[in-house]
Amino acid sequence: MTIDHAVAMFAGFMILLSLVLAQFVSSWFLLLTAFVGVNLIQASITGFCPAAIAFRAFGLKSGPMFK
């Protein structure tokens, strides 16, 4: 698995988690969904992603997006 795949999987998981929490706990968890979306847009423009840095520290190989 590359860093790119791990970032996409983590983002998808966080979005689904926030939707479940918004449904059953509080609608304020939709802010987490918005944060993940904004972070994905920012990462696609700048190439900087905190999650990619964390996954690199875990030893995952770089993909074409996060080097």
C-alpha atoms as a PDB file:
ATOM      1  CA  MET A   1       0.000   0.000   0.000  1.00  0.00           C
ATOM      2  CA  THR A   2       1.305   3.461  -0.859  1.00  0.00           C
ATOM      3  CA  ILE A   3       0.852   6.699   1.050  1.00  0.00           C
ATOM      4  CA  ASP A   4      -1.656   7.851  -1.594  1.00  0.00           C
ATOM      5  CA  HIS A   5      -3.866   4.817  -1.008  1.00  0.00           C
ATOM      6  CA  ALA A   6      -3.598   5.162   2.761  1.00  0.00           C
ATOM      7  CA  VAL A   7      -4.564   8.862   2.657  1.00  0.00           C
ATOM      8  CA  ALA A   8      -7.586   8.129   0.438  1.00  0.00           C
ATOM      9  CA  MET A   9      -8.671   5.255   2.697  1.00  0.00           C
ATOM     10  CA  PHE A  10      -8.238   7.335   5.850  1.00  0.00           C
ATOM     11  CA  ALA A  11     -10.194  10.257   4.364  1.00  0.00           C
ATOM     12  CA  GLY A  12     -13.016   7.957   3.294  1.00  0.00           C
ATOM     13  CA  PHE A  13     -13.131   6.342   6.715  1.00  0.00           C
ATOM     14  CA  MET A  14     -13.240   9.729   8.463  1.00  0.00           C
ATOM     15  CA  ILE A  15     -16.074  10.935   6.220  1.00  0.00           C
ATOM     16  CA  LEU A  16     -18.141   7.810   6.846  1.00  0.00           C
ATOM     17  CA  LEU A  17     -17.422   7.959  10.573  1.00  0.00           C
ATOM     18  CA  SER A  18     -18.481  11.603  10.785  1.00  0.00           C
ATOM     19  CA  LEU A  19     -21.708  10.867   8.899  1.00  0.00           C
ATOM     20  CA  VAL A  20     -22.577   8.056  11.307  1.00  0.00           C
ATOM     21  CA  LEU A  21     -21.764  10.247  14.302  1.00  0.00           C
ATOM     22  CA  ALA A  22     -23.834  13.099  12.857  1.00  0.00           C
ATOM     23  CA  GLN A  23     -26.794  10.756  12.427  1.00  0.00           C
ATOM     24  CA  PHE A  24     -26.667   9.206  15.896  1.00  0.00           C
ATOM     25  CA  VAL A  25     -24.856  11.701  18.146  1.00  0.00           C
ATOM     26  CA  SER A  26     -24.869  15.316  16.943  1.00  0.00           C
ATOM     27  CA  SER A  27     -25.165  17.136  13.655  1.00  0.00           C
ATOM     28  CA  TRP A  28     -22.040  19.100  14.650  1.00  0.00           C
ATOM     29  CA  PHE A  29     -20.004  16.108  13.450  1.00  0.00           C
ATOM     30  CA  LEU A  30     -20.755  17.282   9.906  1.00  0.00           C
ATOM     31  CA  LEU A  31     -18.031  19.858  10.519  1.00  0.00           C
ATOM     32  CA  LEU A  32     -15.576  16.951  10.506  1.00  0.00           C
ATOM     33  CA  THR A  33     -16.864  15.976   7.062  1.00  0.00           C
ATOM     34  CA  ALA A  34     -16.318  19.549   5.872  1.00  0.00           C
ATOM     35  CA  PHE A  35     -12.815  19.627   7.394  1.00  0.00           C
ATOM     36  CA  VAL A  36     -11.823  16.415   5.603  1.00  0.00           C
ATOM     37  CA  GLY A  37     -13.142  17.779   2.304  1.00  0.00           C
ATOM     38  CA  VAL A  38     -11.284  21.076   2.686  1.00  0.00           C
ATOM     39  CA  ASN A  39      -8.113  19.216   3.653  1.00  0.00           C
ATOM     40  CA  LEU A  40      -8.372  17.033   0.520  1.00  0.00           C
ATOM     41  CA  ILE A  41      -8.765  20.129  -1.666  1.00  0.00           C
ATOM     42  CA  GLN A  42      -5.841  21.834   0.054  1.00  0.00           C
ATOM     43  CA  ALA A  43      -3.647  18.741  -0.320  1.00  0.00           C
ATOM     44  CA  SER A  44      -4.441  18.463  -4.031  1.00  0.00           C
ATOM     45  CA  ILE A  45      -3.379  22.086  -4.568  1.00  0.00           C
ATOM     46  CA  THR A  46      -0.326  22.306  -2.309  1.00  0.00           C
ATOM     47  CA  GLY A  47       0.810  18.682  -2.050  1.00  0.00           C
ATOM     48  CA  PHE A  48       1.015  19.039   1.746  1.00  0.00           C
ATOM     49  CA  CYS A  49      -0.987  16.585   3.844  1.00  0.00           C
ATOM     50  CA  PRO A  50      -0.446  15.920   7.564  1.00  0.00           C
ATOM     51  CA  ALA A  51      -1.817  12.389   7.181  1.00  0.00           C
ATOM     52  CA  ALA A  52       0.775  11.674   4.473  1.00  0.00           C
ATOM     53  CA  ILE A  53       3.525  12.720   6.865  1.00  0.00           C
ATOM     54  CA  ALA A  54       2.147  10.364   9.518  1.00  0.00           C
ATOM     55  CA  PHE A  55       1.878   7.450   7.073  1.00  0.00           C
ATOM     56  CA  ARG A  56       5.447   8.083   5.887  1.00  0.00           C
ATOM     57  CA  ALA A  57       6.566   7.818   9.518  1.00  0.00           C
ATOM     58  CA  PHE A  58       4.868   4.395   9.638  1.00  0.00           C
ATOM     59  CA  GLY A  59       7.073   3.312   6.749  1.00  0.00           C
ATOM     60  CA  LEU A  60       4.654   3.340   3.819  1.00  0.00           C
ATOM     61  CA  LYS A  61       6.099   3.867   0.351  1.00  0.00           C
ATOM     62  CA  SER A  62       5.500   7.111  -1.507  1.00  0.00           C
ATOM     63  CA  GLY A  63       3.029   7.202  -4.359  1.00  0.00           C
ATOM     64  CA  PRO A  64       2.883   9.656  -7.249  1.00  0.00           C
ATOM     65  CA  MET A  65       1.068  12.385  -5.290  1.00  0.00           C
ATOM     66  CA  PHE A  66       2.859  12.547  -1.917  1.00  0.00           C
ATOM     67  CA  LYS A  67       6.625  12.220  -2.347  1.00  0.00           C
END
